[in-house]
Amino acid sequence: IQFKLDLFETSPAAQQPALGRILMKAFATRLTTYFHASQKSLYYLGLNHFVILLTVNNPQNLIQTYEILKNQVQIPFQILKHKLSFGLSAGIALYPHNSADLKGLLAAADLACQQARALGGNQYQFVI
């Protein structure tokens, strides 16, 4: 699952790099404490760009994971004098259905995430 915070670009966190870094760290910390270490690999790919790699038996579990992620990002972050909350757009790619290698999976998930954002955000899209 590749995901980005909706409306981040217009938030004070995007305008103030130090605030943005604090927000990204707070978001990553919130997520890593929510998921058990054996369930996930969370990666920060750059400003407002995350990937979580999961092993699941049922793709439906990925939708549940997205809902957990979305709920976590909608809880406001109190950072310095700013109260920040966001939506979450995500792209979901499946191994080996969408690609047999990590680079291909990331590219496919990125495309699906862009589609989710283009459709108004705060939603997920599977790679078709």
Protein backbone atom coordinates (compact mmCIF):
# COMPACT_ATOMS: atom_id res chain seq x y z
CA ILE A 1 0.00 0.00 0.00
CA GLN A 2 1.47 3.33 -1.05
CA PHE A 3 -0.16 6.38 0.51
CA LYS A 4 -0.04 10.15 0.76
CA LEU A 5 -1.73 12.67 3.04
CA ASP A 6 -4.50 14.56 1.23
CA LEU A 7 -4.28 18.35 1.36
CA PHE A 8 -0.75 18.21 2.74
CA GLU A 9 0.48 20.53 -0.01
CA THR A 10 -1.75 23.38 1.22
CA SER A 11 -1.07 22.84 4.93
CA PRO A 12 1.36 24.82 7.09
CA ALA A 13 3.49 21.66 7.26
CA ALA A 14 4.24 21.92 3.53
CA GLN A 15 5.10 25.59 3.81
CA GLN A 16 7.42 25.16 6.80
CA PRO A 17 9.95 22.35 6.24
CA ALA A 18 10.73 21.90 9.94
CA LEU A 19 7.04 21.53 10.73
CA GLY A 20 6.68 19.08 7.83
CA ARG A 21 9.49 16.91 9.16
CA ILE A 22 7.95 16.89 12.64
CA LEU A 23 4.59 15.92 11.16
CA MET A 24 6.03 13.08 9.07
CA LYS A 25 7.90 11.72 12.09
CA ALA A 26 4.78 11.96 14.27
CA PHE A 27 2.71 10.20 11.61
CA ALA A 28 5.27 7.41 11.19
CA THR A 29 5.49 7.00 14.97
CA ARG A 30 1.71 6.80 15.25
CA LEU A 31 1.60 4.10 12.60
CA THR A 32 4.50 2.02 13.89
CA THR A 33 2.97 1.88 17.36
CA TYR A 34 -0.36 0.78 15.92
CA PHE A 35 0.84 -2.23 13.91
CA HIS A 36 2.66 -5.21 15.37
CA ALA A 37 6.27 -5.38 14.16
CA SER A 38 5.78 -8.75 12.47
CA GLN A 39 2.83 -7.41 10.43
CA LYS A 40 4.44 -4.62 8.52
CA SER A 41 7.33 -2.84 6.99
CA LEU A 42 6.69 0.91 6.92
CA TYR A 43 8.89 3.04 4.68
CA TYR A 44 9.06 6.80 4.35
CA LEU A 45 9.96 7.53 0.73
CA GLY A 46 10.04 11.31 0.98
CA LEU A 47 7.87 14.22 1.93
CA ASN A 48 4.28 12.99 2.13
CA HIS A 49 5.08 9.63 0.57
CA PHE A 50 4.86 6.36 2.50
CA VAL A 51 4.75 2.66 1.66
CA ILE A 52 3.72 -0.18 3.89
CA LEU A 53 4.55 -3.71 2.76
CA LEU A 54 2.28 -6.41 4.11
CA THR A 55 1.91 -10.14 3.80
CA VAL A 56 -1.77 -11.02 3.73
CA ASN A 57 -3.76 -14.13 2.88
CA ASN A 58 -6.81 -12.18 1.75
CA PRO A 59 -6.66 -8.92 -0.27
CA GLN A 60 -9.75 -7.79 1.69
CA ASN A 61 -7.37 -7.36 4.66
CA LEU A 62 -5.66 -4.58 2.70
CA ILE A 63 -8.88 -2.59 2.69
CA GLN A 64 -9.12 -2.99 6.46
CA THR A 65 -5.51 -1.84 6.75
CA TYR A 66 -6.27 1.21 4.61
CA GLU A 67 -9.19 2.07 6.90
CA ILE A 68 -6.90 1.83 9.93
CA LEU A 69 -4.35 4.10 8.23
CA LYS A 70 -7.05 6.59 7.24
CA ASN A 71 -8.49 6.69 10.75
CA GLN A 72 -5.03 7.32 12.19
CA VAL A 73 -4.32 10.25 9.87
CA GLN A 74 -7.71 11.83 10.54
CA ILE A 75 -6.92 12.13 14.25
CA PRO A 76 -5.54 15.68 14.46
CA PHE A 77 -1.83 16.19 15.04
CA GLN A 78 -1.01 18.96 17.51
CA ILE A 79 2.39 20.21 16.38
CA LEU A 80 3.69 23.41 17.88
CA LYS A 81 0.77 25.85 17.51
CA HIS A 82 -0.81 23.96 14.60
CA LYS A 83 -3.63 21.44 14.75
CA LEU A 84 -3.37 19.39 11.55
CA SER A 85 -5.61 16.66 10.16
CA PHE A 86 -5.68 15.10 6.73
CA GLY A 87 -7.37 12.59 4.49
CA LEU A 88 -5.48 9.67 3.01
CA SER A 89 -5.15 8.50 -0.58
CA ALA A 90 -3.68 5.08 -1.24
CA GLY A 91 -2.75 2.81 -4.10
CA ILE A 92 -2.73 -0.94 -3.56
CA ALA A 93 -0.66 -3.33 -5.66
CA LEU A 94 -0.50 -7.10 -5.24
CA TYR A 95 2.46 -9.45 -5.65
CA PRO A 96 2.81 -11.25 -8.03
CA HIS A 97 -0.44 -10.22 -9.76
CA ASN A 98 0.64 -6.61 -10.48
CA SER A 99 4.40 -7.18 -10.59
CA ALA A 100 6.95 -9.79 -9.59
CA ASP A 101 9.49 -7.25 -8.30
CA LEU A 102 9.51 -4.42 -5.78
CA LYS A 103 10.23 -1.68 -8.32
CA GLY A 104 7.22 -2.72 -10.40
CA LEU A 105 4.98 -3.00 -7.34
CA LEU A 106 5.95 0.50 -6.20
CA ALA A 107 5.31 1.95 -9.67
CA ALA A 108 1.91 0.23 -9.87
CA ALA A 109 0.91 1.35 -6.38
CA ASP A 110 2.02 4.91 -7.17
CA LEU A 111 -0.19 4.98 -10.25
CA ALA A 112 -3.16 3.70 -8.24
CA CYS A 113 -2.48 6.32 -5.54
CA GLN A 114 -2.49 9.04 -8.19
CA GLN A 115 -5.83 7.71 -9.43
CA ALA A 116 -7.26 7.84 -5.90
CA ARG A 117 -6.15 11.45 -5.56
CA ALA A 118 -7.52 12.36 -8.99
CA LEU A 119 -10.90 10.93 -7.96
CA GLY A 120 -11.08 13.36 -5.04
CA GLY A 121 -8.80 11.72 -2.49
CA ASN A 122 -9.45 10.12 0.87
CA GLN A 123 -9.89 6.74 -0.78
CA TYR A 124 -7.92 3.78 -2.07
CA GLN A 125 -7.59 2.29 -5.52
CA PHE A 126 -6.38 -1.16 -6.43
CA VAL A 127 -4.15 -1.54 -9.44
CA ILE A 128 -6.28 -2.85 -12.28
